[in-house]
Amino acid sequence: MTQTPTNSNSSDRLDRIEAILERFIEQSDRNITQLAQEQTITNQVLRQLIETQIQTDKAINQMIEIQASLAAEQEKQERLLEYLIRRLEVGNG
């Protein structure tokens, strides 16, 4: 059976549509793969940022504790100095 020009045109058009759909599906698959890879990288970066933030918070807390300890020691030294000054004043008075 020979194809009439109309059937041939329809077949050619259908073949072109199928080729376009195949390219679209292939491109979509590549895009999905790339998106998944980029999502993995994004997740890794977020994990690193969270870990860095946790370490920063710990360091800040340690600094606060050290500052409190230094302030307490300074207060003790000031009280001791005041005591020694009073002793000297009583001894000289």
C-alpha atoms as a PDB file:
ATOM      1  CA  MET A   1       0.000   0.000   0.000  1.00  0.00           C
ATOM      2  CA  THR A   2       1.413   3.357  -0.950  1.00  0.00           C
ATOM      3  CA  GLN A   3       1.057   6.344   1.277  1.00  0.00           C
ATOM      4  CA  THR A   4      -0.795   9.295  -0.026  1.00  0.00           C
ATOM      5  CA  PRO A   5       0.891  12.677   0.389  1.00  0.00           C
ATOM      6  CA  THR A   6      -1.453  13.495   3.265  1.00  0.00           C
ATOM      7  CA  ASN A   7      -0.545  10.290   5.123  1.00  0.00           C
ATOM      8  CA  SER A   8       3.150  10.919   4.429  1.00  0.00           C
ATOM      9  CA  ASN A   9       2.905  14.486   5.765  1.00  0.00           C
ATOM     10  CA  SER A  10       1.075  13.270   8.851  1.00  0.00           C
ATOM     11  CA  SER A  11       3.692  10.601   9.423  1.00  0.00           C
ATOM     12  CA  ASP A  12       6.547  13.087   9.005  1.00  0.00           C
ATOM     13  CA  ARG A  13       4.846  15.501  11.348  1.00  0.00           C
ATOM     14  CA  LEU A  14       4.283  12.733  13.905  1.00  0.00           C
ATOM     15  CA  ASP A  15       7.955  11.718  13.611  1.00  0.00           C
ATOM     16  CA  ARG A  16       9.046  15.334  14.218  1.00  0.00           C
ATOM     17  CA  ILE A  17       6.744  15.603  17.244  1.00  0.00           C
ATOM     18  CA  GLU A  18       8.118  12.333  18.639  1.00  0.00           C
ATOM     19  CA  ALA A  19      11.687  13.574  18.120  1.00  0.00           C
ATOM     20  CA  ILE A  20      10.866  16.840  19.891  1.00  0.00           C
ATOM     21  CA  LEU A  21       9.272  14.940  22.779  1.00  0.00           C
ATOM     22  CA  GLU A  22      12.292  12.641  23.054  1.00  0.00           C
ATOM     23  CA  ARG A  23      14.655  15.636  23.198  1.00  0.00           C
ATOM     24  CA  PHE A  24      12.401  17.274  25.784  1.00  0.00           C
ATOM     25  CA  ILE A  25      12.392  14.140  27.941  1.00  0.00           C
ATOM     26  CA  GLU A  26      16.176  13.779  27.644  1.00  0.00           C
ATOM     27  CA  GLN A  27      16.688  17.436  28.592  1.00  0.00           C
ATOM     28  CA  SER A  28      14.248  17.063  31.475  1.00  0.00           C
ATOM     29  CA  ASP A  29      16.153  14.017  32.731  1.00  0.00           C
ATOM     30  CA  ARG A  30      19.439  15.954  32.545  1.00  0.00           C
ATOM     31  CA  ASN A  31      17.863  18.896  34.380  1.00  0.00           C
ATOM     32  CA  ILE A  32      16.494  16.616  37.110  1.00  0.00           C
ATOM     33  CA  THR A  33      19.898  14.960  37.518  1.00  0.00           C
ATOM     34  CA  GLN A  34      21.635  18.337  37.725  1.00  0.00           C
ATOM     35  CA  LEU A  35      19.035  19.603  40.188  1.00  0.00           C
ATOM     36  CA  ALA A  36      19.564  16.573  42.411  1.00  0.00           C
ATOM     37  CA  GLN A  37      23.336  17.103  42.347  1.00  0.00           C
ATOM     38  CA  GLU A  38      22.952  20.785  43.180  1.00  0.00           C
ATOM     39  CA  GLN A  39      20.545  19.919  46.000  1.00  0.00           C
ATOM     40  CA  THR A  40      23.136  17.538  47.433  1.00  0.00           C
ATOM     41  CA  ILE A  41      25.785  20.276  47.301  1.00  0.00           C
ATOM     42  CA  THR A  42      23.365  22.752  48.898  1.00  0.00           C
ATOM     43  CA  ASN A  43      22.641  20.300  51.704  1.00  0.00           C
ATOM     44  CA  GLN A  44      26.373  19.800  52.302  1.00  0.00           C
ATOM     45  CA  VAL A  45      26.956  23.550  52.463  1.00  0.00           C
ATOM     46  CA  LEU A  46      24.045  23.987  54.854  1.00  0.00           C
ATOM     47  CA  ARG A  47      25.411  21.217  57.077  1.00  0.00           C
ATOM     48  CA  GLN A  48      28.804  22.931  57.146  1.00  0.00           C
ATOM     49  CA  LEU A  49      27.204  26.284  57.953  1.00  0.00           C
ATOM     50  CA  ILE A  50      25.226  24.750  60.800  1.00  0.00           C
ATOM     51  CA  GLU A  51      28.334  23.039  62.183  1.00  0.00           C
ATOM     52  CA  THR A  52      30.261  26.318  61.937  1.00  0.00           C
ATOM     53  CA  GLN A  53      27.444  28.148  63.713  1.00  0.00           C
ATOM     54  CA  ILE A  54      27.450  25.549  66.501  1.00  0.00           C
ATOM     55  CA  GLN A  55      31.227  25.934  66.919  1.00  0.00           C
ATOM     56  CA  THR A  56      30.872  29.729  66.916  1.00  0.00           C
ATOM     57  CA  ASP A  57      28.158  29.553  69.576  1.00  0.00           C
ATOM     58  CA  LYS A  58      30.356  27.299  71.716  1.00  0.00           C
ATOM     59  CA  ALA A  59      33.301  29.681  71.350  1.00  0.00           C
ATOM     60  CA  ILE A  60      31.112  32.655  72.290  1.00  0.00           C
ATOM     61  CA  ASN A  61      29.853  30.821  75.377  1.00  0.00           C
ATOM     62  CA  GLN A  62      33.428  30.001  76.386  1.00  0.00           C
ATOM     63  CA  MET A  63      34.427  33.633  75.925  1.00  0.00           C
ATOM     64  CA  ILE A  64      31.505  34.738  78.102  1.00  0.00           C
ATOM     65  CA  GLU A  65      32.583  32.276  80.811  1.00  0.00           C
ATOM     66  CA  ILE A  66      36.192  33.491  80.610  1.00  0.00           C
ATOM     67  CA  GLN A  67      35.084  37.125  80.817  1.00  0.00           C
ATOM     68  CA  ALA A  68      32.936  36.347  83.856  1.00  0.00           C
ATOM     69  CA  SER A  69      35.846  34.529  85.479  1.00  0.00           C
ATOM     70  CA  LEU A  70      38.228  37.420  84.732  1.00  0.00           C
ATOM     71  CA  ALA A  71      35.718  39.930  86.118  1.00  0.00           C
ATOM     72  CA  ALA A  72      35.387  37.871  89.311  1.00  0.00           C
ATOM     73  CA  GLU A  73      39.176  37.649  89.664  1.00  0.00           C
ATOM     74  CA  GLN A  74      39.539  41.381  89.086  1.00  0.00           C
ATOM     75  CA  GLU A  75      36.929  42.046  91.766  1.00  0.00           C
ATOM     76  CA  LYS A  76      38.856  39.815  94.197  1.00  0.00           C
ATOM     77  CA  GLN A  77      42.087  41.649  93.420  1.00  0.00           C
ATOM     78  CA  GLU A  78      40.401  45.014  93.932  1.00  0.00           C
ATOM     79  CA  ARG A  79      39.040  43.904  97.314  1.00  0.00           C
ATOM     80  CA  LEU A  80      42.482  42.604  98.300  1.00  0.00           C
ATOM     81  CA  LEU A  81      44.088  45.873  97.215  1.00  0.00           C
ATOM     82  CA  GLU A  82      41.525  47.869  99.209  1.00  0.00           C
ATOM     83  CA  TYR A  83      42.204  45.661 102.241  1.00  0.00           C
ATOM     84  CA  LEU A  84      45.967  46.166 101.909  1.00  0.00           C
ATOM     85  CA  ILE A  85      45.521  49.940 101.529  1.00  0.00           C
ATOM     86  CA  ARG A  86      43.381  50.052 104.691  1.00  0.00           C
ATOM     87  CA  ARG A  87      45.997  47.999 106.563  1.00  0.00           C
ATOM     88  CA  LEU A  88      48.698  50.386 105.449  1.00  0.00           C
ATOM     89  CA  GLU A  89      46.604  53.392 106.481  1.00  0.00           C
ATOM     90  CA  VAL A  90      45.919  51.857 109.926  1.00  0.00           C
ATOM     91  CA  GLY A  91      49.600  51.010 110.333  1.00  0.00           C
ATOM     92  CA  ASN A  92      50.686  54.516 109.348  1.00  0.00           C
ATOM     93  CA  GLY A  93      47.968  56.266 111.261  1.00  0.00           C
END
